[in-house]
Structures are given as C-alpha cells and as structure tokens.
C-alpha cells in the first residue's frame, strides 16, 4: 500500500485501511527498538521540528526517541523563553523554523485547530501531537496497536473509557479510532464531564459506571483535566476517586482478561487505585513503548523513508 497522507491531524481523516497500514508499519519497526544498537539510517538528513506549546513528557520524549532512532536531526522548541513571549505569532514561528530547513513539524498546542492551521499555511508535513481538547491522533494509534497486539482484532470488543470525557482529546480520538476499527465504545464519568449524546461521537454514554465496565474487554481511565475546566466540576479528588476511580472491585466487573489502560500522566489514588499499579492486566507501560513505534512509523511514512 502507498501511504498518501501529507499530514496526521486527526483520526477522522484516516480510513481503516490506512490505520491498519500504520499499525503494521509500527509493528515491524518495533524490532529496531529491541536491537543492541537501536539505530537505523532511514531518515538521515531529515530535520524534525518539535513545537510544544504545552507541557509533555511521554509524547515529546517518544517523538524525540523515534526521530533519533531513525537518524533524523531534531529541532526542539518550547514556547517558554522563546520569541512567542515577545509577541511572535504561531505562523511566524513556524515559518522561521521552516526557513532553517525543517522537513516535518510535530505540534502540540493548547488551542484546538492549531496544527490544522499550520498545515493549511505551509507545505511542510505536520503531525498533531495534541490540540486543546480536540484530538490526539498518535495516542489513539498507539492505543489501537496495544489492543491489537493483545486481542488480535477489534471487532466485537467492548471498550470502556472512564473519566473526563468532555475535556479529553485522548477520549475524542480513541472513540473515533476504536469505532472505526469495529469496536463498541462505552463512556462514563461524572455527569459534568460527559458529552451530550449528540456530541459523543457514536459512543454509548453511561451515567452508571457499572454499565460501562460490565464485561468490558478494555478499560481505559483518563486523567481529570482540571486545567481545562475553568470551574469546579466535582466536589473534590477524593469524591472523584470514591465514585469513579478504578479499583480491583470495579475492575472485576470487566472480563477476566480485560486490558487496563491509561494515557498518562496517572494520578494514583484518583483515576486508578494504587493496588492496580502492578496488576497483570495493566498494559500502561506497553502503551508507552508502542508510542515510540507508532511515531517512528508516522515519520517514515510521511518523510518517505525506506
């Protein structure tokens, strides 16, 4: 299959066949990460610019590891202590970095649509590393890869996503991704954090947590997005943990061989009980490893590496 996409901005614009091709490519590239010297010359001479206007650990470092493993050079940009603080616009920032030779931009921005805006105004390839609470396509792809490795297929799976659905770009992208690949998605959380039915992207909204967890094949807990609320949406973190935190008892409602997932960062004792930290059903660290493989695959596919 020839990959024709110029940008990775969201999951909605990817066909199931394209998603499968990305996952197949990532699966093949995982072998490189397991070598004694995990380095290949695939993207030697290419420059990848990481533009992060929000804090990040996993996404930023995995993109950096992916680029370095493929021998690409890297521009690392953070808004703090840059000309953005002097009033430089987003487009001017990108155009200046492009003028230095960047071949691809990885952009995380607090405003929804920022990566789309850049993609429309420059010819350089763009990967959305998270924009506002709109989309996080690479997280959804690594979640798909993790589930496919463990379950083999998506059709007929019940995926339960628990937490701050309304404000989570991960939830928005995962709902679209899992439904597109044939799974059924249930979402649950505090009523103030749930989207209206018409905005749930085809997921089934459950106001009772037990309904979402019952016989689930995949249970994904989400971080409470307090920085995006603007006002208090629940009494306290203790109250959240009491009614919507995932613990052993609640996880027992899901299938015995269910997968426990979380996109990170995790607030232990809030979204997940500390007793689950070493639970054999957890694939949280596998998600992190697969994030590197998926981002390697996207860099190769977009920059034309062999």
C-alpha atoms as a PDB file:
ATOM      1  CA  UNK A   1       0.000   0.000   0.000  1.00  0.00           C
ATOM      2  CA  UNK A   2       1.206   3.516  -0.831  1.00  0.00           C
ATOM      3  CA  UNK A   3       0.638   5.968   2.005  1.00  0.00           C
ATOM      4  CA  UNK A   4      -0.656   9.230   0.511  1.00  0.00           C
ATOM      5  CA  UNK A   5      -1.344  11.354   3.585  1.00  0.00           C
ATOM      6  CA  UNK A   6       0.706  14.535   3.876  1.00  0.00           C
ATOM      7  CA  UNK A   7      -0.296  15.223   7.473  1.00  0.00           C
ATOM      8  CA  UNK A   8      -1.595  13.361  10.527  1.00  0.00           C
ATOM      9  CA  UNK A   9      -4.046  15.814  12.081  1.00  0.00           C
ATOM     10  CA  UNK A  10      -6.825  13.573  13.411  1.00  0.00           C
ATOM     11  CA  UNK A  11      -8.212  10.061  13.266  1.00  0.00           C
ATOM     12  CA  UNK A  12     -11.396  11.040  11.417  1.00  0.00           C
ATOM     13  CA  UNK A  13      -9.446  11.717   8.199  1.00  0.00           C
ATOM     14  CA  UNK A  14      -7.823   8.257   8.196  1.00  0.00           C
ATOM     15  CA  UNK A  15      -9.512   5.294   6.521  1.00  0.00           C
ATOM     16  CA  UNK A  16      -9.485   1.932   8.349  1.00  0.00           C
ATOM     17  CA  UNK A  17      -7.069   0.605   5.711  1.00  0.00           C
ATOM     18  CA  UNK A  18      -4.676   3.496   6.379  1.00  0.00           C
ATOM     19  CA  UNK A  19      -4.868   2.912  10.119  1.00  0.00           C
ATOM     20  CA  UNK A  20      -4.100  -0.778   9.611  1.00  0.00           C
ATOM     21  CA  UNK A  21      -1.126   0.125   7.409  1.00  0.00           C
ATOM     22  CA  UNK A  22       0.233   2.478  10.086  1.00  0.00           C
ATOM     23  CA  UNK A  23      -0.158  -0.229  12.749  1.00  0.00           C
ATOM     24  CA  UNK A  24       1.531  -2.827  10.530  1.00  0.00           C
ATOM     25  CA  UNK A  25       4.439  -0.447   9.916  1.00  0.00           C
ATOM     26  CA  UNK A  26       4.760   0.310  13.630  1.00  0.00           C
ATOM     27  CA  UNK A  27       4.702  -3.389  14.473  1.00  0.00           C
ATOM     28  CA  UNK A  28       7.548  -4.026  12.033  1.00  0.00           C
ATOM     29  CA  UNK A  29       9.596  -1.108  13.388  1.00  0.00           C
ATOM     30  CA  UNK A  30       9.341  -2.323  16.999  1.00  0.00           C
ATOM     31  CA  UNK A  31      12.066  -4.814  16.102  1.00  0.00           C
ATOM     32  CA  UNK A  32      14.506  -1.916  15.689  1.00  0.00           C
ATOM     33  CA  UNK A  33      13.884  -0.812  19.281  1.00  0.00           C
ATOM     34  CA  UNK A  34      14.889  -4.255  20.530  1.00  0.00           C
ATOM     35  CA  UNK A  35      18.278  -4.325  18.779  1.00  0.00           C
ATOM     36  CA  UNK A  36      21.534  -3.999  20.777  1.00  0.00           C
ATOM     37  CA  UNK A  37      22.104  -0.733  18.916  1.00  0.00           C
ATOM     38  CA  UNK A  38      18.598   0.645  18.205  1.00  0.00           C
ATOM     39  CA  UNK A  39      19.517   2.939  15.345  1.00  0.00           C
ATOM     40  CA  UNK A  40      18.850   2.878  11.582  1.00  0.00           C
ATOM     41  CA  UNK A  41      19.779   5.441   8.901  1.00  0.00           C
ATOM     42  CA  UNK A  42      16.277   5.636   7.433  1.00  0.00           C
ATOM     43  CA  UNK A  43      15.774   9.394   7.869  1.00  0.00           C
ATOM     44  CA  UNK A  44      19.375  10.561   7.851  1.00  0.00           C
ATOM     45  CA  UNK A  45      19.485  14.154   6.601  1.00  0.00           C
ATOM     46  CA  UNK A  46      15.872  14.907   7.567  1.00  0.00           C
ATOM     47  CA  UNK A  47      15.026  17.507  10.213  1.00  0.00           C
ATOM     48  CA  UNK A  48      12.043  17.062  12.531  1.00  0.00           C
ATOM     49  CA  UNK A  49      10.906  20.144  14.475  1.00  0.00           C
ATOM     50  CA  UNK A  50       9.114  19.554  17.781  1.00  0.00           C
ATOM     51  CA  UNK A  51       6.946  22.567  18.628  1.00  0.00           C
ATOM     52  CA  UNK A  52       5.433  22.135  22.078  1.00  0.00           C
ATOM     53  CA  UNK A  53       3.316  24.965  23.435  1.00  0.00           C
ATOM     54  CA  UNK A  54       2.106  22.768  26.329  1.00  0.00           C
ATOM     55  CA  UNK A  55       3.950  20.599  28.861  1.00  0.00           C
ATOM     56  CA  UNK A  56       4.545  16.996  27.818  1.00  0.00           C
ATOM     57  CA  UNK A  57       6.600  14.012  28.929  1.00  0.00           C
ATOM     58  CA  UNK A  58       5.590  10.821  27.095  1.00  0.00           C
ATOM     59  CA  UNK A  59       4.556  12.374  23.778  1.00  0.00           C
ATOM     60  CA  UNK A  60       7.541  14.670  23.453  1.00  0.00           C
ATOM     61  CA  UNK A  61      10.172  12.149  24.535  1.00  0.00           C
ATOM     62  CA  UNK A  62       8.720   9.348  22.394  1.00  0.00           C
ATOM     63  CA  UNK A  63       8.717  11.589  19.307  1.00  0.00           C
ATOM     64  CA  UNK A  64      12.312  12.507  20.114  1.00  0.00           C
ATOM     65  CA  UNK A  65      13.293   8.860  20.592  1.00  0.00           C
ATOM     66  CA  UNK A  66      11.516   7.926  17.358  1.00  0.00           C
ATOM     67  CA  UNK A  67      13.332  10.584  15.334  1.00  0.00           C
ATOM     68  CA  UNK A  68      16.750   9.767  16.818  1.00  0.00           C
ATOM     69  CA  UNK A  69      16.278   6.030  16.253  1.00  0.00           C
ATOM     70  CA  UNK A  70      15.635   6.796  12.581  1.00  0.00           C
ATOM     71  CA  UNK A  71      18.733   9.072  12.488  1.00  0.00           C
ATOM     72  CA  UNK A  72      16.792  12.279  11.853  1.00  0.00           C
ATOM     73  CA  UNK A  73      18.040  15.572  13.256  1.00  0.00           C
ATOM     74  CA  UNK A  74      15.814  17.427  15.716  1.00  0.00           C
ATOM     75  CA  UNK A  75      14.812  20.999  16.458  1.00  0.00           C
ATOM     76  CA  UNK A  76      13.308  21.202  19.953  1.00  0.00           C
ATOM     77  CA  UNK A  77      11.128  24.260  20.598  1.00  0.00           C
ATOM     78  CA  UNK A  78       9.258  25.310  23.727  1.00  0.00           C
ATOM     79  CA  UNK A  79       7.106  28.415  23.896  1.00  0.00           C
ATOM     80  CA  UNK A  80       8.574  29.470  27.211  1.00  0.00           C
ATOM     81  CA  UNK A  81      11.763  31.546  26.777  1.00  0.00           C
ATOM     82  CA  UNK A  82      11.116  31.847  23.020  1.00  0.00           C
ATOM     83  CA  UNK A  83      10.080  34.785  20.832  1.00  0.00           C
ATOM     84  CA  UNK A  84       6.457  33.775  21.433  1.00  0.00           C
ATOM     85  CA  UNK A  85       6.804  35.555  24.774  1.00  0.00           C
ATOM     86  CA  UNK A  86       7.745  38.698  22.817  1.00  0.00           C
ATOM     87  CA  UNK A  87       4.565  38.522  20.752  1.00  0.00           C
ATOM     88  CA  UNK A  88       5.636  36.447  17.739  1.00  0.00           C
ATOM     89  CA  UNK A  89       2.667  34.709  16.087  1.00  0.00           C
ATOM     90  CA  UNK A  90       2.362  30.961  15.694  1.00  0.00           C
ATOM     91  CA  UNK A  91       2.636  31.176  11.912  1.00  0.00           C
ATOM     92  CA  UNK A  92       5.729  33.407  12.055  1.00  0.00           C
ATOM     93  CA  UNK A  93       7.363  30.991  14.480  1.00  0.00           C
ATOM     94  CA  UNK A  94       6.701  28.066  12.160  1.00  0.00           C
ATOM     95  CA  UNK A  95       7.808  29.927   9.021  1.00  0.00           C
ATOM     96  CA  UNK A  96      11.098  30.884  10.661  1.00  0.00           C
ATOM     97  CA  UNK A  97      11.795  27.317  11.762  1.00  0.00           C
ATOM     98  CA  UNK A  98      10.853  26.085   8.287  1.00  0.00           C
ATOM     99  CA  UNK A  99      13.369  28.550   6.833  1.00  0.00           C
ATOM    100  CA  UNK A 100      16.034  26.769   8.896  1.00  0.00           C
ATOM    101  CA  UNK A 101      15.320  23.552   6.981  1.00  0.00           C
ATOM    102  CA  UNK A 102      12.643  21.665   8.951  1.00  0.00           C
ATOM    103  CA  UNK A 103      11.097  18.813   6.935  1.00  0.00           C
ATOM    104  CA  UNK A 104       8.297  17.976   9.370  1.00  0.00           C
ATOM    105  CA  UNK A 105       6.590  19.679  12.304  1.00  0.00           C
ATOM    106  CA  UNK A 106       5.281  17.889  15.381  1.00  0.00           C
ATOM    107  CA  UNK A 107       2.945  20.368  17.074  1.00  0.00           C
ATOM    108  CA  UNK A 108       1.243  20.376  20.476  1.00  0.00           C
ATOM    109  CA  UNK A 109      -0.852  23.445  21.159  1.00  0.00           C
ATOM    110  CA  UNK A 110      -3.497  24.462  23.723  1.00  0.00           C
ATOM    111  CA  UNK A 111      -5.800  25.815  21.004  1.00  0.00           C
ATOM    112  CA  UNK A 112      -7.933  23.356  19.046  1.00  0.00           C
ATOM    113  CA  UNK A 113      -7.194  23.548  15.332  1.00  0.00           C
ATOM    114  CA  UNK A 114      -3.672  24.996  15.601  1.00  0.00           C
ATOM    115  CA  UNK A 115      -1.977  22.065  13.760  1.00  0.00           C
ATOM    116  CA  UNK A 116      -4.674  22.263  11.044  1.00  0.00           C
ATOM    117  CA  UNK A 117      -3.981  25.985  10.657  1.00  0.00           C
ATOM    118  CA  UNK A 118      -0.262  25.341  10.200  1.00  0.00           C
ATOM    119  CA  UNK A 119      -0.884  22.512   7.724  1.00  0.00           C
ATOM    120  CA  UNK A 120      -3.058  24.832   5.632  1.00  0.00           C
ATOM    121  CA  UNK A 121      -0.442  27.590   5.533  1.00  0.00           C
ATOM    122  CA  UNK A 122       2.833  25.756   4.879  1.00  0.00           C
ATOM    123  CA  UNK A 123       3.856  22.922   2.574  1.00  0.00           C
ATOM    124  CA  UNK A 124       5.845  21.077   5.242  1.00  0.00           C
ATOM    125  CA  UNK A 125       4.389  17.897   6.765  1.00  0.00           C
ATOM    126  CA  UNK A 126       2.593  18.250  10.109  1.00  0.00           C
ATOM    127  CA  UNK A 127       1.765  15.769  12.885  1.00  0.00           C
ATOM    128  CA  UNK A 128      -0.730  16.801  15.542  1.00  0.00           C
ATOM    129  CA  UNK A 129       0.701  15.915  18.968  1.00  0.00           C
ATOM    130  CA  UNK A 130      -2.437  17.179  20.735  1.00  0.00           C
ATOM    131  CA  UNK A 131      -4.510  20.336  20.208  1.00  0.00           C
ATOM    132  CA  UNK A 132      -6.680  21.659  23.021  1.00  0.00           C
ATOM    133  CA  UNK A 133      -9.311  19.067  23.835  1.00  0.00           C
ATOM    134  CA  UNK A 134      -9.855  18.365  20.148  1.00  0.00           C
ATOM    135  CA  UNK A 135      -7.629  15.482  19.060  1.00  0.00           C
ATOM    136  CA  UNK A 136      -4.558  13.391  19.885  1.00  0.00           C
ATOM    137  CA  UNK A 137      -4.248  11.030  16.902  1.00  0.00           C
ATOM    138  CA  UNK A 138      -0.893   9.452  17.757  1.00  0.00           C
ATOM    139  CA  UNK A 139      -2.173   8.460  21.206  1.00  0.00           C
ATOM    140  CA  UNK A 140      -5.184   6.780  19.607  1.00  0.00           C
ATOM    141  CA  UNK A 141      -2.933   4.908  17.168  1.00  0.00           C
ATOM    142  CA  UNK A 142      -0.655   3.606  19.919  1.00  0.00           C
ATOM    143  CA  UNK A 143      -3.719   2.553  21.915  1.00  0.00           C
ATOM    144  CA  UNK A 144      -5.003   0.656  18.873  1.00  0.00           C
ATOM    145  CA  UNK A 145      -1.627  -1.039  18.428  1.00  0.00           C
ATOM    146  CA  UNK A 146      -1.569  -2.088  22.086  1.00  0.00           C
ATOM    147  CA  UNK A 147      -5.057  -3.589  21.930  1.00  0.00           C
ATOM    148  CA  UNK A 148      -4.382  -5.329  18.604  1.00  0.00           C
ATOM    149  CA  UNK A 149      -1.219  -6.935  19.990  1.00  0.00           C
ATOM    150  CA  UNK A 150      -3.133  -8.354  22.954  1.00  0.00           C
ATOM    151  CA  UNK A 151      -6.554  -9.089  21.416  1.00  0.00           C
ATOM    152  CA  UNK A 152      -5.748  -9.742  17.754  1.00  0.00           C
ATOM    153  CA  UNK A 153      -8.756  -7.904  16.354  1.00  0.00           C
ATOM    154  CA  UNK A 154     -11.092  -5.053  17.246  1.00  0.00           C
ATOM    155  CA  UNK A 155     -14.410  -6.373  16.000  1.00  0.00           C
ATOM    156  CA  UNK A 156     -16.788  -7.226  18.819  1.00  0.00           C
ATOM    157  CA  UNK A 157     -14.632  -5.701  21.551  1.00  0.00           C
ATOM    158  CA  UNK A 158     -16.221  -3.582  24.259  1.00  0.00           C
ATOM    159  CA  UNK A 159     -14.046  -0.591  25.145  1.00  0.00           C
ATOM    160  CA  UNK A 160     -14.914   1.344  28.317  1.00  0.00           C
ATOM    161  CA  UNK A 161     -13.413   4.827  28.670  1.00  0.00           C
ATOM    162  CA  UNK A 162     -13.852   6.284  32.144  1.00  0.00           C
ATOM    163  CA  UNK A 163     -13.340   9.829  33.354  1.00  0.00           C
ATOM    164  CA  UNK A 164     -13.236  13.338  31.963  1.00  0.00           C
ATOM    165  CA  UNK A 165     -14.599  12.531  28.502  1.00  0.00           C
ATOM    166  CA  UNK A 166     -15.763  16.028  27.583  1.00  0.00           C
ATOM    167  CA  UNK A 167     -12.375  17.704  28.007  1.00  0.00           C
ATOM    168  CA  UNK A 168     -10.108  14.861  26.859  1.00  0.00           C
ATOM    169  CA  UNK A 169      -8.570  14.932  23.387  1.00  0.00           C
ATOM    170  CA  UNK A 170      -7.459  11.339  24.004  1.00  0.00           C
ATOM    171  CA  UNK A 171     -11.065  10.262  24.546  1.00  0.00           C
ATOM    172  CA  UNK A 172     -12.232  12.049  21.407  1.00  0.00           C
ATOM    173  CA  UNK A 173      -9.580  10.400  19.234  1.00  0.00           C
ATOM    174  CA  UNK A 174      -9.904   6.961  20.852  1.00  0.00           C
ATOM    175  CA  UNK A 175     -13.679   6.900  20.438  1.00  0.00           C
ATOM    176  CA  UNK A 176     -13.356   7.605  16.723  1.00  0.00           C
ATOM    177  CA  UNK A 177     -10.456   5.167  16.314  1.00  0.00           C
ATOM    178  CA  UNK A 178     -11.944   2.163  18.101  1.00  0.00           C
ATOM    179  CA  UNK A 179     -15.365   2.603  16.491  1.00  0.00           C
ATOM    180  CA  UNK A 180     -13.791   2.972  13.064  1.00  0.00           C
ATOM    181  CA  UNK A 181     -11.968  -0.337  13.579  1.00  0.00           C
ATOM    182  CA  UNK A 182     -15.111  -2.208  14.658  1.00  0.00           C
ATOM    183  CA  UNK A 183     -15.174  -1.984  18.463  1.00  0.00           C
ATOM    184  CA  UNK A 184     -18.078  -0.717  20.561  1.00  0.00           C
ATOM    185  CA  UNK A 185     -17.224   2.170  22.899  1.00  0.00           C
ATOM    186  CA  UNK A 186     -18.893   2.988  26.219  1.00  0.00           C
ATOM    187  CA  UNK A 187     -18.029   6.129  28.184  1.00  0.00           C
ATOM    188  CA  UNK A 188     -18.753   7.022  31.793  1.00  0.00           C
ATOM    189  CA  UNK A 189     -17.777   9.623  34.369  1.00  0.00           C
ATOM    190  CA  UNK A 190     -19.256  12.484  36.367  1.00  0.00           C
ATOM    191  CA  UNK A 191     -22.256  13.969  34.559  1.00  0.00           C
ATOM    192  CA  UNK A 192     -20.450  17.314  34.374  1.00  0.00           C
ATOM    193  CA  UNK A 193     -17.633  15.653  32.422  1.00  0.00           C
ATOM    194  CA  UNK A 194     -19.734  13.687  29.949  1.00  0.00           C
ATOM    195  CA  UNK A 195     -20.590  14.975  26.480  1.00  0.00           C
ATOM    196  CA  UNK A 196     -24.233  15.290  25.398  1.00  0.00           C
ATOM    197  CA  UNK A 197     -25.392  12.238  23.435  1.00  0.00           C
ATOM    198  CA  UNK A 198     -25.250  14.163  20.157  1.00  0.00           C
ATOM    199  CA  UNK A 199     -21.585  15.026  20.809  1.00  0.00           C
ATOM    200  CA  UNK A 200     -20.444  11.605  21.988  1.00  0.00           C
ATOM    201  CA  UNK A 201     -19.026  10.640  18.559  1.00  0.00           C
ATOM    202  CA  UNK A 202     -21.062   7.444  18.498  1.00  0.00           C
ATOM    203  CA  UNK A 203     -20.014   6.178  21.927  1.00  0.00           C
ATOM    204  CA  UNK A 204     -22.658   4.984  24.349  1.00  0.00           C
ATOM    205  CA  UNK A 205     -22.888   7.383  27.297  1.00  0.00           C
ATOM    206  CA  UNK A 206     -23.380   5.572  30.634  1.00  0.00           C
ATOM    207  CA  UNK A 207     -24.353   7.545  33.711  1.00  0.00           C
ATOM    208  CA  UNK A 208     -23.826   4.414  35.800  1.00  0.00           C
ATOM    209  CA  UNK A 209     -20.160   3.396  35.921  1.00  0.00           C
ATOM    210  CA  UNK A 210     -21.058  -0.279  36.335  1.00  0.00           C
ATOM    211  CA  UNK A 211     -22.871  -0.307  32.980  1.00  0.00           C
ATOM    212  CA  UNK A 212     -19.731   0.815  31.169  1.00  0.00           C
ATOM    213  CA  UNK A 213     -17.439  -1.632  32.982  1.00  0.00           C
ATOM    214  CA  UNK A 214     -19.683  -4.712  32.734  1.00  0.00           C
ATOM    215  CA  UNK A 215     -17.972  -7.343  30.517  1.00  0.00           C
ATOM    216  CA  UNK A 216     -15.553  -4.791  29.033  1.00  0.00           C
ATOM    217  CA  UNK A 217     -12.581  -6.103  27.067  1.00  0.00           C
ATOM    218  CA  UNK A 218     -10.657  -2.850  27.502  1.00  0.00           C
ATOM    219  CA  UNK A 219     -10.885  -0.406  30.416  1.00  0.00           C
ATOM    220  CA  UNK A 220      -9.230   2.959  29.915  1.00  0.00           C
ATOM    221  CA  UNK A 221      -9.075   5.513  32.729  1.00  0.00           C
ATOM    222  CA  UNK A 222      -8.486   9.172  31.898  1.00  0.00           C
ATOM    223  CA  UNK A 223      -6.767  11.934  33.813  1.00  0.00           C
ATOM    224  CA  UNK A 224      -9.028  14.638  35.218  1.00  0.00           C
ATOM    225  CA  UNK A 225      -8.344  17.671  33.001  1.00  0.00           C
ATOM    226  CA  UNK A 226      -8.547  20.294  35.756  1.00  0.00           C
ATOM    227  CA  UNK A 227      -6.543  22.848  33.748  1.00  0.00           C
ATOM    228  CA  UNK A 228      -9.284  22.892  31.084  1.00  0.00           C
ATOM    229  CA  UNK A 229     -12.328  23.137  33.344  1.00  0.00           C
ATOM    230  CA  UNK A 230     -12.403  26.802  34.210  1.00  0.00           C
ATOM    231  CA  UNK A 231     -14.627  25.955  37.184  1.00  0.00           C
ATOM    232  CA  UNK A 232     -15.059  23.116  39.669  1.00  0.00           C
ATOM    233  CA  UNK A 233     -16.943  20.208  38.054  1.00  0.00           C
ATOM    234  CA  UNK A 234     -16.917  17.901  41.113  1.00  0.00           C
ATOM    235  CA  UNK A 235     -16.525  18.434  44.873  1.00  0.00           C
ATOM    236  CA  UNK A 236     -13.007  17.031  45.339  1.00  0.00           C
ATOM    237  CA  UNK A 237     -10.488  14.497  44.047  1.00  0.00           C
ATOM    238  CA  UNK A 238     -11.447  12.271  46.980  1.00  0.00           C
ATOM    239  CA  UNK A 239     -15.079  12.312  45.808  1.00  0.00           C
ATOM    240  CA  UNK A 240     -13.991  11.552  42.244  1.00  0.00           C
ATOM    241  CA  UNK A 241     -11.921   8.575  43.390  1.00  0.00           C
ATOM    242  CA  UNK A 242     -14.786   7.305  45.547  1.00  0.00           C
ATOM    243  CA  UNK A 243     -17.343   7.240  42.753  1.00  0.00           C
ATOM    244  CA  UNK A 244     -15.335   6.926  39.519  1.00  0.00           C
ATOM    245  CA  UNK A 245     -11.848   5.717  40.424  1.00  0.00           C
ATOM    246  CA  UNK A 246     -10.969   2.261  39.079  1.00  0.00           C
ATOM    247  CA  UNK A 247     -10.042  -0.263  41.769  1.00  0.00           C
ATOM    248  CA  UNK A 248      -9.879  -4.059  41.998  1.00  0.00           C
ATOM    249  CA  UNK A 249     -13.555  -4.379  42.844  1.00  0.00           C
ATOM    250  CA  UNK A 250     -14.733  -2.261  39.937  1.00  0.00           C
ATOM    251  CA  UNK A 251     -12.293  -3.844  37.511  1.00  0.00           C
ATOM    252  CA  UNK A 252     -13.742  -7.252  38.429  1.00  0.00           C
ATOM    253  CA  UNK A 253     -16.899  -6.196  36.551  1.00  0.00           C
ATOM    254  CA  UNK A 254     -14.935  -6.316  33.306  1.00  0.00           C
ATOM    255  CA  UNK A 255     -13.873  -9.548  31.624  1.00  0.00           C
ATOM    256  CA  UNK A 256     -11.241 -11.568  33.425  1.00  0.00           C
ATOM    257  CA  UNK A 257      -8.728 -10.996  30.611  1.00  0.00           C
ATOM    258  CA  UNK A 258      -9.511  -7.302  30.153  1.00  0.00           C
ATOM    259  CA  UNK A 259      -6.778  -4.762  29.411  1.00  0.00           C
ATOM    260  CA  UNK A 260      -6.244  -1.861  31.804  1.00  0.00           C
ATOM    261  CA  UNK A 261      -5.045   1.296  30.058  1.00  0.00           C
ATOM    262  CA  UNK A 262      -4.272   4.933  30.843  1.00  0.00           C
ATOM    263  CA  UNK A 263      -2.716   7.567  28.532  1.00  0.00           C
ATOM    264  CA  UNK A 264      -0.831   9.222  31.408  1.00  0.00           C
ATOM    265  CA  UNK A 265       0.095  11.061  33.448  1.00  0.00           C
ATOM    266  CA  UNK A 266      -1.625   8.977  36.125  1.00  0.00           C
ATOM    267  CA  UNK A 267      -2.898  10.400  39.384  1.00  0.00           C
ATOM    268  CA  UNK A 268      -2.640   7.263  41.526  1.00  0.00           C
ATOM    269  CA  UNK A 269      -5.387   7.188  44.102  1.00  0.00           C
ATOM    270  CA  UNK A 270      -7.666   9.279  41.877  1.00  0.00           C
ATOM    271  CA  UNK A 271      -8.240   7.672  38.463  1.00  0.00           C
ATOM    272  CA  UNK A 272      -6.579   4.393  39.428  1.00  0.00           C
ATOM    273  CA  UNK A 273      -6.209   2.746  42.809  1.00  0.00           C
ATOM    274  CA  UNK A 274      -2.544   2.145  43.832  1.00  0.00           C
ATOM    275  CA  UNK A 275      -3.387  -1.563  44.212  1.00  0.00           C
ATOM    276  CA  UNK A 276      -3.548  -1.754  40.391  1.00  0.00           C
ATOM    277  CA  UNK A 277      -0.014  -0.452  39.845  1.00  0.00           C
ATOM    278  CA  UNK A 278       1.414  -3.931  39.226  1.00  0.00           C
ATOM    279  CA  UNK A 279      -1.782  -5.614  38.082  1.00  0.00           C
ATOM    280  CA  UNK A 280      -1.105  -8.189  35.317  1.00  0.00           C
ATOM    281  CA  UNK A 281      -3.984  -6.751  33.288  1.00  0.00           C
ATOM    282  CA  UNK A 282      -2.212  -3.400  33.014  1.00  0.00           C
ATOM    283  CA  UNK A 283      -0.677  -2.555  29.628  1.00  0.00           C
ATOM    284  CA  UNK A 284       0.115   1.048  30.525  1.00  0.00           C
ATOM    285  CA  UNK A 285       3.882   0.738  30.014  1.00  0.00           C
ATOM    286  CA  UNK A 286       3.278  -1.219  26.810  1.00  0.00           C
ATOM    287  CA  UNK A 287       1.358   1.825  25.599  1.00  0.00           C
ATOM    288  CA  UNK A 288       4.459   3.927  26.205  1.00  0.00           C
ATOM    289  CA  UNK A 289       6.703   1.564  24.210  1.00  0.00           C
ATOM    290  CA  UNK A 290       4.174   1.362  21.399  1.00  0.00           C
ATOM    291  CA  UNK A 291       4.072   5.157  21.319  1.00  0.00           C
ATOM    292  CA  UNK A 292       7.671   5.176  20.098  1.00  0.00           C
ATOM    293  CA  UNK A 293       6.930   2.560  17.417  1.00  0.00           C
ATOM    294  CA  UNK A 294       3.825   4.377  16.147  1.00  0.00           C
ATOM    295  CA  UNK A 295       5.654   7.694  15.945  1.00  0.00           C
ATOM    296  CA  UNK A 296       8.542   6.024  14.119  1.00  0.00           C
ATOM    297  CA  UNK A 297       6.035   4.629  11.632  1.00  0.00           C
ATOM    298  CA  UNK A 298       4.466   8.039  11.008  1.00  0.00           C
ATOM    299  CA  UNK A 299       7.837   9.708  10.495  1.00  0.00           C
ATOM    300  CA  UNK A 300       8.848   7.036   7.998  1.00  0.00           C
ATOM    301  CA  UNK A 301       5.537   7.151   6.130  1.00  0.00           C
ATOM    302  CA  UNK A 302       5.371  10.945   5.933  1.00  0.00           C
ATOM    303  CA  UNK A 303       9.034  11.554   5.112  1.00  0.00           C
ATOM    304  CA  UNK A 304       9.354   8.717   2.636  1.00  0.00           C
ATOM    305  CA  UNK A 305      11.965   6.569   4.336  1.00  0.00           C
ATOM    306  CA  UNK A 306      12.587   3.046   3.097  1.00  0.00           C
END
